[in-house]
Amino acid sequence: MKDDIKQPKDAKIKADKMNVNLVWNRTFAAQRNAKFNKSQKFVDAECIRRMVRFTPMRNGILMKAPVLGTKIGSGHIVVLSPYGRYQYYGRVMVSRITGSPYARMGESKVLTGRKLTYSKVRHPEATSFYFEHMKKKYKAAIMNGAKKISGGKLI
């Protein structure tokens, strides 16, 4: 990762008649980076797993899309689906040109004021902004899991 923890430099401090040498463990940065990367992979995978119950489902594409589009450990969940944005925001989107919900290849859509209705047959908690709903319900559990992996203090 580009934001890896850097190995601190040893330091010599002189104050009055006292000399202090600060010597860092040579494996400090490598150990912290390994724990951080493992924690990030846990957070990404757990968010995707827990998001499923809130994800609208008709044919299962939106449930598979984050798994296919996300590089676990990157810190970014990517939903690869042509209608993912449409479903996420929960608003009907229409063609800029024709006003139809069906757009030609490469044509962009615009949001309308009309809300989508989600089938609750397969996922009774299906809703728009499903990542936000998941985060609200499971944030503490996910954070505690990540802290446990990285050696941090639990909430």
N, C-alpha and C. Protein backbone atom coordinates (compact mmCIF):
# COMPACT_ATOMS: atom_id res chain seq x y z
N MET A 1 0.84 -1.19 0.00
CA MET A 1 0.00 0.00 0.00
C MET A 1 0.88 1.24 0.00
N LYS A 2 0.36 2.32 -0.55
CA LYS A 2 1.13 3.55 -0.61
C LYS A 2 1.24 4.25 0.74
N ASP A 3 0.32 3.97 1.66
CA ASP A 3 0.32 4.63 2.97
C ASP A 3 0.91 3.74 4.05
N ASP A 4 1.86 2.90 3.67
CA ASP A 4 2.48 2.00 4.64
C ASP A 4 3.11 2.80 5.78
N ILE A 5 3.16 2.17 6.93
CA ILE A 5 3.81 2.77 8.09
C ILE A 5 5.32 2.69 7.86
N LYS A 6 5.99 3.79 8.05
CA LYS A 6 7.45 3.85 7.83
C LYS A 6 8.18 3.50 9.12
N GLN A 7 9.32 2.86 8.96
CA GLN A 7 10.14 2.50 10.11
C GLN A 7 10.69 3.78 10.73
N PRO A 8 10.40 4.04 12.01
CA PRO A 8 10.96 5.25 12.65
C PRO A 8 12.47 5.15 12.77
N LYS A 9 13.11 6.28 12.75
CA LYS A 9 14.57 6.31 12.88
C LYS A 9 14.94 6.35 14.37
N ASP A 10 16.04 5.70 14.69
CA ASP A 10 16.56 5.76 16.06
C ASP A 10 16.94 7.21 16.35
N ALA A 11 16.94 7.57 17.63
CA ALA A 11 17.24 8.95 17.99
C ALA A 11 18.15 9.00 19.21
N LYS A 12 19.02 10.00 19.22
CA LYS A 12 19.87 10.27 20.39
C LYS A 12 19.46 11.63 20.93
N ILE A 13 19.14 11.64 22.21
CA ILE A 13 18.67 12.88 22.83
C ILE A 13 19.61 13.23 23.97
N LYS A 14 20.03 14.50 23.98
CA LYS A 14 20.89 14.99 25.07
C LYS A 14 20.12 16.09 25.80
N ALA A 15 19.99 15.89 27.10
CA ALA A 15 19.32 16.89 27.92
C ALA A 15 20.11 17.04 29.21
N ASP A 16 20.57 18.25 29.47
CA ASP A 16 21.41 18.53 30.64
C ASP A 16 22.57 17.53 30.69
N LYS A 17 22.63 16.72 31.74
CA LYS A 17 23.74 15.78 31.89
C LYS A 17 23.32 14.35 31.56
N MET A 18 22.23 14.21 30.80
CA MET A 18 21.70 12.89 30.51
C MET A 18 21.70 12.65 29.00
N ASN A 19 22.10 11.48 28.61
CA ASN A 19 22.03 11.06 27.21
C ASN A 19 21.05 9.91 27.11
N VAL A 20 20.13 9.99 26.14
CA VAL A 20 19.12 8.95 25.94
C VAL A 20 19.19 8.48 24.49
N ASN A 21 19.22 7.18 24.32
CA ASN A 21 19.16 6.60 22.99
C ASN A 21 17.81 5.90 22.82
N LEU A 22 17.05 6.33 21.82
CA LEU A 22 15.78 5.66 21.49
C LEU A 22 16.04 4.74 20.32
N VAL A 23 15.89 3.45 20.55
CA VAL A 23 16.15 2.45 19.51
C VAL A 23 14.86 1.70 19.23
N TRP A 24 14.41 1.79 17.99
CA TRP A 24 13.17 1.12 17.59
C TRP A 24 13.43 -0.33 17.22
N ASN A 25 12.47 -1.16 17.52
CA ASN A 25 12.49 -2.54 17.07
C ASN A 25 12.60 -2.53 15.55
N ARG A 26 13.55 -3.24 14.99
CA ARG A 26 13.80 -3.22 13.54
C ARG A 26 12.62 -3.77 12.73
N THR A 27 11.77 -4.57 13.35
CA THR A 27 10.64 -5.15 12.62
C THR A 27 9.33 -4.41 12.89
N PHE A 28 9.40 -3.25 13.58
CA PHE A 28 8.20 -2.51 13.95
C PHE A 28 7.30 -2.22 12.75
N ALA A 29 7.83 -1.57 11.73
CA ALA A 29 7.01 -1.16 10.58
C ALA A 29 6.43 -2.37 9.85
N ALA A 30 7.24 -3.39 9.65
CA ALA A 30 6.76 -4.59 8.94
C ALA A 30 5.63 -5.26 9.71
N GLN A 31 5.78 -5.36 11.03
CA GLN A 31 4.73 -5.98 11.85
C GLN A 31 3.44 -5.16 11.83
N ARG A 32 3.56 -3.85 11.97
CA ARG A 32 2.37 -2.99 11.98
C ARG A 32 1.67 -3.01 10.62
N ASN A 33 2.44 -2.98 9.55
CA ASN A 33 1.85 -3.03 8.21
C ASN A 33 1.14 -4.36 7.97
N ALA A 34 1.71 -5.45 8.42
CA ALA A 34 1.08 -6.76 8.24
C ALA A 34 -0.24 -6.82 8.99
N LYS A 35 -0.26 -6.31 10.22
CA LYS A 35 -1.50 -6.29 11.01
C LYS A 35 -2.54 -5.37 10.36
N PHE A 36 -2.09 -4.21 9.90
CA PHE A 36 -3.02 -3.28 9.25
C PHE A 36 -3.62 -3.90 8.00
N ASN A 37 -2.79 -4.51 7.17
CA ASN A 37 -3.29 -5.12 5.93
C ASN A 37 -4.26 -6.26 6.21
N LYS A 38 -3.96 -7.06 7.21
CA LYS A 38 -4.86 -8.15 7.59
C LYS A 38 -6.20 -7.59 8.10
N SER A 39 -6.13 -6.53 8.88
CA SER A 39 -7.35 -5.87 9.39
C SER A 39 -8.18 -5.29 8.25
N GLN A 40 -7.52 -4.67 7.28
CA GLN A 40 -8.24 -4.07 6.15
C GLN A 40 -8.93 -5.14 5.32
N LYS A 41 -8.28 -6.27 5.12
CA LYS A 41 -8.90 -7.38 4.39
C LYS A 41 -10.13 -7.88 5.14
N PHE A 42 -10.03 -7.96 6.46
CA PHE A 42 -11.17 -8.38 7.28
C PHE A 42 -12.33 -7.40 7.11
N VAL A 43 -12.04 -6.10 7.21
CA VAL A 43 -13.10 -5.08 7.10
C VAL A 43 -13.78 -5.16 5.73
N ASP A 44 -13.02 -5.23 4.66
CA ASP A 44 -13.60 -5.30 3.32
C ASP A 44 -14.50 -6.53 3.17
N ALA A 45 -13.99 -7.69 3.55
CA ALA A 45 -14.75 -8.93 3.40
C ALA A 45 -15.99 -8.93 4.28
N GLU A 46 -15.86 -8.44 5.50
CA GLU A 46 -16.99 -8.41 6.43
C GLU A 46 -18.07 -7.45 5.96
N CYS A 47 -17.68 -6.29 5.42
CA CYS A 47 -18.67 -5.34 4.89
C CYS A 47 -19.46 -5.97 3.75
N ILE A 48 -18.77 -6.62 2.84
CA ILE A 48 -19.45 -7.27 1.72
C ILE A 48 -20.38 -8.36 2.22
N ARG A 49 -19.90 -9.18 3.14
CA ARG A 49 -20.70 -10.28 3.67
C ARG A 49 -21.96 -9.78 4.39
N ARG A 50 -21.79 -8.76 5.21
CA ARG A 50 -22.93 -8.26 6.01
C ARG A 50 -23.87 -7.37 5.20
N MET A 51 -23.40 -6.86 4.08
CA MET A 51 -24.22 -6.00 3.23
C MET A 51 -25.30 -6.79 2.49
N VAL A 52 -25.10 -8.10 2.32
CA VAL A 52 -26.00 -8.93 1.52
C VAL A 52 -27.45 -8.82 1.97
N ARG A 53 -27.71 -8.87 3.25
CA ARG A 53 -29.09 -8.87 3.74
C ARG A 53 -29.85 -7.59 3.41
N PHE A 54 -29.14 -6.50 3.13
CA PHE A 54 -29.78 -5.22 2.81
C PHE A 54 -29.81 -4.96 1.30
N THR A 55 -29.13 -5.80 0.53
CA THR A 55 -29.01 -5.63 -0.91
C THR A 55 -30.26 -6.13 -1.62
N PRO A 56 -30.86 -5.31 -2.49
CA PRO A 56 -32.01 -5.78 -3.26
C PRO A 56 -31.63 -7.00 -4.09
N MET A 57 -32.55 -7.96 -4.18
CA MET A 57 -32.22 -9.16 -4.93
C MET A 57 -33.39 -9.61 -5.79
N ARG A 58 -33.09 -9.73 -7.06
CA ARG A 58 -34.02 -10.37 -7.97
C ARG A 58 -33.34 -11.59 -8.58
N ASN A 59 -32.16 -11.36 -9.18
CA ASN A 59 -31.44 -12.47 -9.81
C ASN A 59 -30.06 -12.73 -9.19
N GLY A 60 -29.67 -11.99 -8.17
CA GLY A 60 -28.42 -12.23 -7.46
C GLY A 60 -27.21 -11.48 -7.99
N ILE A 61 -27.37 -10.73 -9.07
CA ILE A 61 -26.23 -10.00 -9.66
C ILE A 61 -25.66 -8.99 -8.68
N LEU A 62 -26.50 -8.23 -7.98
CA LEU A 62 -25.99 -7.21 -7.06
C LEU A 62 -25.25 -7.83 -5.87
N MET A 63 -25.57 -9.07 -5.54
CA MET A 63 -24.86 -9.74 -4.44
C MET A 63 -23.48 -10.19 -4.88
N LYS A 64 -23.34 -10.56 -6.14
CA LYS A 64 -22.05 -11.02 -6.67
C LYS A 64 -21.16 -9.84 -7.08
N ALA A 65 -21.78 -8.74 -7.46
CA ALA A 65 -21.05 -7.59 -8.00
C ALA A 65 -19.95 -7.06 -7.08
N PRO A 66 -20.17 -6.91 -5.77
CA PRO A 66 -19.08 -6.41 -4.92
C PRO A 66 -17.92 -7.40 -4.82
N VAL A 67 -18.23 -8.69 -4.85
CA VAL A 67 -17.17 -9.70 -4.78
C VAL A 67 -16.31 -9.65 -6.03
N LEU A 68 -16.94 -9.44 -7.18
CA LEU A 68 -16.21 -9.39 -8.44
C LEU A 68 -15.45 -8.08 -8.63
N GLY A 69 -15.99 -6.98 -8.12
CA GLY A 69 -15.40 -5.66 -8.37
C GLY A 69 -14.43 -5.16 -7.33
N THR A 70 -14.40 -5.82 -6.17
CA THR A 70 -13.60 -5.33 -5.06
C THR A 70 -12.30 -6.11 -4.92
N LYS A 71 -11.20 -5.38 -4.76
CA LYS A 71 -9.93 -6.02 -4.41
C LYS A 71 -9.88 -6.01 -2.88
N ILE A 72 -10.09 -7.19 -2.29
CA ILE A 72 -10.13 -7.28 -0.84
C ILE A 72 -8.81 -6.78 -0.26
N GLY A 73 -8.91 -5.83 0.66
CA GLY A 73 -7.74 -5.22 1.27
C GLY A 73 -7.45 -3.83 0.75
N SER A 74 -8.18 -3.41 -0.29
CA SER A 74 -7.94 -2.09 -0.88
C SER A 74 -8.62 -0.97 -0.09
N GLY A 75 -9.65 -1.32 0.68
CA GLY A 75 -10.40 -0.29 1.41
C GLY A 75 -11.50 0.33 0.58
N HIS A 76 -11.72 -0.17 -0.62
CA HIS A 76 -12.77 0.34 -1.51
C HIS A 76 -13.65 -0.82 -1.97
N ILE A 77 -14.96 -0.69 -1.74
CA ILE A 77 -15.89 -1.70 -2.21
C ILE A 77 -16.47 -1.19 -3.52
N VAL A 78 -16.30 -1.98 -4.57
CA VAL A 78 -16.75 -1.59 -5.90
C VAL A 78 -17.83 -2.57 -6.35
N VAL A 79 -18.99 -2.02 -6.68
CA VAL A 79 -20.10 -2.85 -7.16
C VAL A 79 -20.12 -2.75 -8.68
N LEU A 80 -19.70 -3.83 -9.34
CA LEU A 80 -19.67 -3.87 -10.80
C LEU A 80 -21.02 -4.36 -11.32
N SER A 81 -21.88 -3.44 -11.61
CA SER A 81 -23.20 -3.78 -12.14
C SER A 81 -23.71 -2.58 -12.93
N PRO A 82 -24.29 -2.82 -14.09
CA PRO A 82 -24.77 -1.68 -14.88
C PRO A 82 -25.89 -0.91 -14.19
N TYR A 83 -26.61 -1.55 -13.29
CA TYR A 83 -27.70 -0.85 -12.61
C TYR A 83 -27.44 -0.72 -11.11
N GLY A 84 -26.20 -0.90 -10.69
CA GLY A 84 -25.86 -0.83 -9.27
C GLY A 84 -26.15 0.54 -8.67
N ARG A 85 -25.79 1.58 -9.37
CA ARG A 85 -26.01 2.94 -8.87
C ARG A 85 -27.51 3.23 -8.75
N TYR A 86 -28.23 2.81 -9.72
CA TYR A 86 -29.68 2.94 -9.79
C TYR A 86 -30.33 2.31 -8.56
N GLN A 87 -29.91 1.08 -8.25
CA GLN A 87 -30.47 0.36 -7.10
C GLN A 87 -29.99 0.96 -5.78
N TYR A 88 -28.74 1.37 -5.72
CA TYR A 88 -28.19 1.87 -4.47
C TYR A 88 -28.90 3.14 -4.01
N TYR A 89 -29.09 4.08 -4.90
CA TYR A 89 -29.72 5.35 -4.52
C TYR A 89 -31.23 5.24 -4.39
N GLY A 90 -31.81 4.16 -4.90
CA GLY A 90 -33.24 3.91 -4.71
C GLY A 90 -34.15 4.89 -5.41
N ARG A 91 -33.67 5.50 -6.46
CA ARG A 91 -34.47 6.44 -7.24
C ARG A 91 -34.52 5.95 -8.68
N VAL A 92 -35.64 6.15 -9.30
CA VAL A 92 -35.77 5.80 -10.71
C VAL A 92 -34.85 6.72 -11.50
N MET A 93 -34.09 6.13 -12.41
CA MET A 93 -33.22 6.90 -13.29
C MET A 93 -33.70 6.72 -14.71
N VAL A 94 -33.63 7.79 -15.48
CA VAL A 94 -34.12 7.74 -16.87
C VAL A 94 -33.08 8.31 -17.83
N SER A 95 -33.23 7.97 -19.08
CA SER A 95 -32.36 8.47 -20.13
C SER A 95 -32.45 9.99 -20.20
N ARG A 96 -31.32 10.65 -20.36
CA ARG A 96 -31.30 12.11 -20.53
C ARG A 96 -32.06 12.52 -21.80
N ILE A 97 -31.97 11.66 -22.80
CA ILE A 97 -32.52 12.00 -24.11
C ILE A 97 -34.00 11.66 -24.22
N THR A 98 -34.34 10.40 -23.89
CA THR A 98 -35.72 9.94 -24.13
C THR A 98 -36.62 9.99 -22.90
N GLY A 99 -36.04 10.06 -21.70
CA GLY A 99 -36.86 10.03 -20.49
C GLY A 99 -37.29 8.62 -20.12
N SER A 100 -36.81 7.63 -20.84
CA SER A 100 -37.16 6.23 -20.59
C SER A 100 -36.20 5.62 -19.58
N PRO A 101 -36.67 4.65 -18.78
CA PRO A 101 -35.76 3.96 -17.87
C PRO A 101 -34.72 3.13 -18.62
N TYR A 102 -34.96 2.86 -19.89
CA TYR A 102 -34.00 2.12 -20.71
C TYR A 102 -33.16 3.11 -21.50
N ALA A 103 -31.86 2.97 -21.39
CA ALA A 103 -30.96 3.88 -22.10
C ALA A 103 -30.11 3.07 -23.07
N ARG A 104 -29.71 3.74 -24.14
CA ARG A 104 -28.83 3.09 -25.11
C ARG A 104 -27.44 2.93 -24.53
N MET A 105 -26.68 2.04 -25.11
CA MET A 105 -25.30 1.79 -24.67
C MET A 105 -24.52 3.10 -24.67
N GLY A 106 -23.87 3.41 -23.57
CA GLY A 106 -23.06 4.61 -23.45
C GLY A 106 -23.84 5.87 -23.09
N GLU A 107 -25.14 5.78 -23.08
CA GLU A 107 -25.98 6.94 -22.75
C GLU A 107 -26.08 7.05 -21.23
N SER A 108 -25.95 8.26 -20.69
CA SER A 108 -26.04 8.42 -19.24
C SER A 108 -27.49 8.65 -18.82
N LYS A 109 -27.75 8.36 -17.56
CA LYS A 109 -29.08 8.53 -17.00
C LYS A 109 -29.06 9.61 -15.94
N VAL A 110 -30.24 10.13 -15.63
CA VAL A 110 -30.38 11.13 -14.58
C VAL A 110 -31.39 10.63 -13.55
N LEU A 111 -31.20 11.06 -12.32
CA LEU A 111 -32.12 10.67 -11.25
C LEU A 111 -33.42 11.43 -11.37
N THR A 112 -34.50 10.77 -11.00
CA THR A 112 -35.81 11.42 -10.92
C THR A 112 -36.18 11.50 -9.44
N GLY A 113 -37.31 12.04 -9.14
CA GLY A 113 -37.78 12.12 -7.75
C GLY A 113 -38.52 10.87 -7.31
N ARG A 114 -38.76 9.93 -8.23
CA ARG A 114 -39.54 8.74 -7.87
C ARG A 114 -38.66 7.70 -7.20
N LYS A 115 -39.19 7.11 -6.11
CA LYS A 115 -38.47 6.08 -5.37
C LYS A 115 -38.70 4.71 -6.00
N LEU A 116 -37.68 3.87 -5.90
CA LEU A 116 -37.83 2.47 -6.31
C LEU A 116 -38.53 1.71 -5.19
N THR A 117 -39.23 0.68 -5.55
CA THR A 117 -39.78 -0.23 -4.54
C THR A 117 -39.02 -1.55 -4.69
N TYR A 118 -38.63 -2.10 -3.57
CA TYR A 118 -37.83 -3.32 -3.56
C TYR A 118 -38.67 -4.50 -3.13
N SER A 119 -38.48 -5.61 -3.81
CA SER A 119 -39.11 -6.85 -3.40
C SER A 119 -38.48 -7.30 -2.09
N LYS A 120 -39.27 -7.72 -1.15
CA LYS A 120 -38.78 -8.18 0.16
C LYS A 120 -38.85 -9.70 0.26
N VAL A 121 -39.14 -10.38 -0.86
CA VAL A 121 -39.31 -11.83 -0.85
C VAL A 121 -38.01 -12.54 -0.44
N ARG A 122 -36.92 -12.26 -1.11
CA ARG A 122 -35.65 -12.94 -0.82
C ARG A 122 -34.86 -12.27 0.29
N HIS A 123 -34.90 -10.95 0.34
CA HIS A 123 -34.20 -10.20 1.38
C HIS A 123 -35.20 -9.24 2.03
N PRO A 124 -35.78 -9.64 3.15
CA PRO A 124 -36.78 -8.79 3.80
C PRO A 124 -36.28 -7.41 4.21
N GLU A 125 -34.95 -7.26 4.37
CA GLU A 125 -34.39 -5.96 4.76
C GLU A 125 -33.83 -5.17 3.58
N ALA A 126 -34.12 -5.60 2.35
CA ALA A 126 -33.61 -4.91 1.16
C ALA A 126 -34.03 -3.46 1.16
N THR A 127 -33.07 -2.59 0.82
CA THR A 127 -33.35 -1.16 0.85
C THR A 127 -32.32 -0.41 0.00
N SER A 128 -32.56 0.85 -0.22
CA SER A 128 -31.55 1.68 -0.88
C SER A 128 -30.45 1.99 0.15
N PHE A 129 -29.35 2.52 -0.30
CA PHE A 129 -28.21 2.85 0.57
C PHE A 129 -27.86 1.66 1.47
N TYR A 130 -27.80 0.47 0.87
CA TYR A 130 -27.62 -0.74 1.65
C TYR A 130 -26.29 -0.79 2.40
N PHE A 131 -25.25 -0.16 1.86
CA PHE A 131 -23.98 -0.11 2.60
C PHE A 131 -24.14 0.70 3.88
N GLU A 132 -24.82 1.82 3.79
CA GLU A 132 -25.04 2.68 4.97
C GLU A 132 -25.86 1.96 6.04
N HIS A 133 -26.87 1.22 5.61
CA HIS A 133 -27.70 0.47 6.57
C HIS A 133 -26.85 -0.61 7.26
N MET A 134 -26.03 -1.29 6.48
CA MET A 134 -25.15 -2.31 7.04
C MET A 134 -24.20 -1.68 8.05
N LYS A 135 -23.62 -0.54 7.69
CA LYS A 135 -22.65 0.13 8.55
C LYS A 135 -23.30 0.55 9.88
N LYS A 136 -24.51 1.06 9.78
CA LYS A 136 -25.22 1.51 10.99
C LYS A 136 -25.44 0.34 11.96
N LYS A 137 -25.77 -0.81 11.40
CA LYS A 137 -26.10 -1.97 12.24
C LYS A 137 -24.86 -2.72 12.72
N TYR A 138 -23.79 -2.81 11.90
CA TYR A 138 -22.66 -3.68 12.21
C TYR A 138 -21.33 -2.98 12.41
N LYS A 139 -21.31 -1.67 12.41
CA LYS A 139 -20.05 -0.94 12.50
C LYS A 139 -19.22 -1.36 13.72
N ALA A 140 -19.84 -1.43 14.89
CA ALA A 140 -19.10 -1.77 16.11
C ALA A 140 -18.51 -3.17 16.03
N ALA A 141 -19.28 -4.13 15.52
CA ALA A 141 -18.79 -5.51 15.41
C ALA A 141 -17.62 -5.60 14.44
N ILE A 142 -17.72 -4.89 13.32
CA ILE A 142 -16.63 -4.91 12.33
C ILE A 142 -15.39 -4.23 12.89
N MET A 143 -15.58 -3.10 13.54
CA MET A 143 -14.44 -2.39 14.14
C MET A 143 -13.77 -3.23 15.22
N ASN A 144 -14.56 -3.90 16.05
CA ASN A 144 -13.98 -4.75 17.09
C ASN A 144 -13.19 -5.91 16.49
N GLY A 145 -13.70 -6.48 15.41
CA GLY A 145 -12.97 -7.55 14.73
C GLY A 145 -11.65 -7.06 14.18
N ALA A 146 -11.67 -5.88 13.58
CA ALA A 146 -10.44 -5.31 13.03
C ALA A 146 -9.44 -4.97 14.14
N LYS A 147 -9.95 -4.43 15.23
CA LYS A 147 -9.07 -4.09 16.35
C LYS A 147 -8.46 -5.34 16.98
N LYS A 148 -9.24 -6.40 17.04
CA LYS A 148 -8.74 -7.66 17.59
C LYS A 148 -7.59 -8.19 16.73
N ILE A 149 -7.74 -8.09 15.41
CA ILE A 149 -6.69 -8.54 14.49
C ILE A 149 -5.45 -7.68 14.62
N SER A 150 -5.63 -6.36 14.72
CA SER A 150 -4.48 -5.46 14.72
C SER A 150 -3.90 -5.21 16.10
N GLY A 151 -4.56 -5.72 17.14
CA GLY A 151 -4.02 -5.56 18.48
C GLY A 151 -4.46 -4.28 19.17
N GLY A 152 -5.51 -3.65 18.62
CA GLY A 152 -6.03 -2.42 19.23
C GLY A 152 -6.98 -2.73 20.37
N LYS A 153 -7.48 -1.68 21.04
CA LYS A 153 -8.41 -1.86 22.14
C LYS A 153 -9.83 -1.94 21.60
N LEU A 154 -10.61 -2.86 22.15
CA LEU A 154 -11.98 -3.06 21.72
C LEU A 154 -12.88 -1.97 22.28
N ILE A 155 -13.97 -1.70 21.52
CA ILE A 155 -14.93 -0.67 21.94
C ILE A 155 -15.76 -1.20 23.09
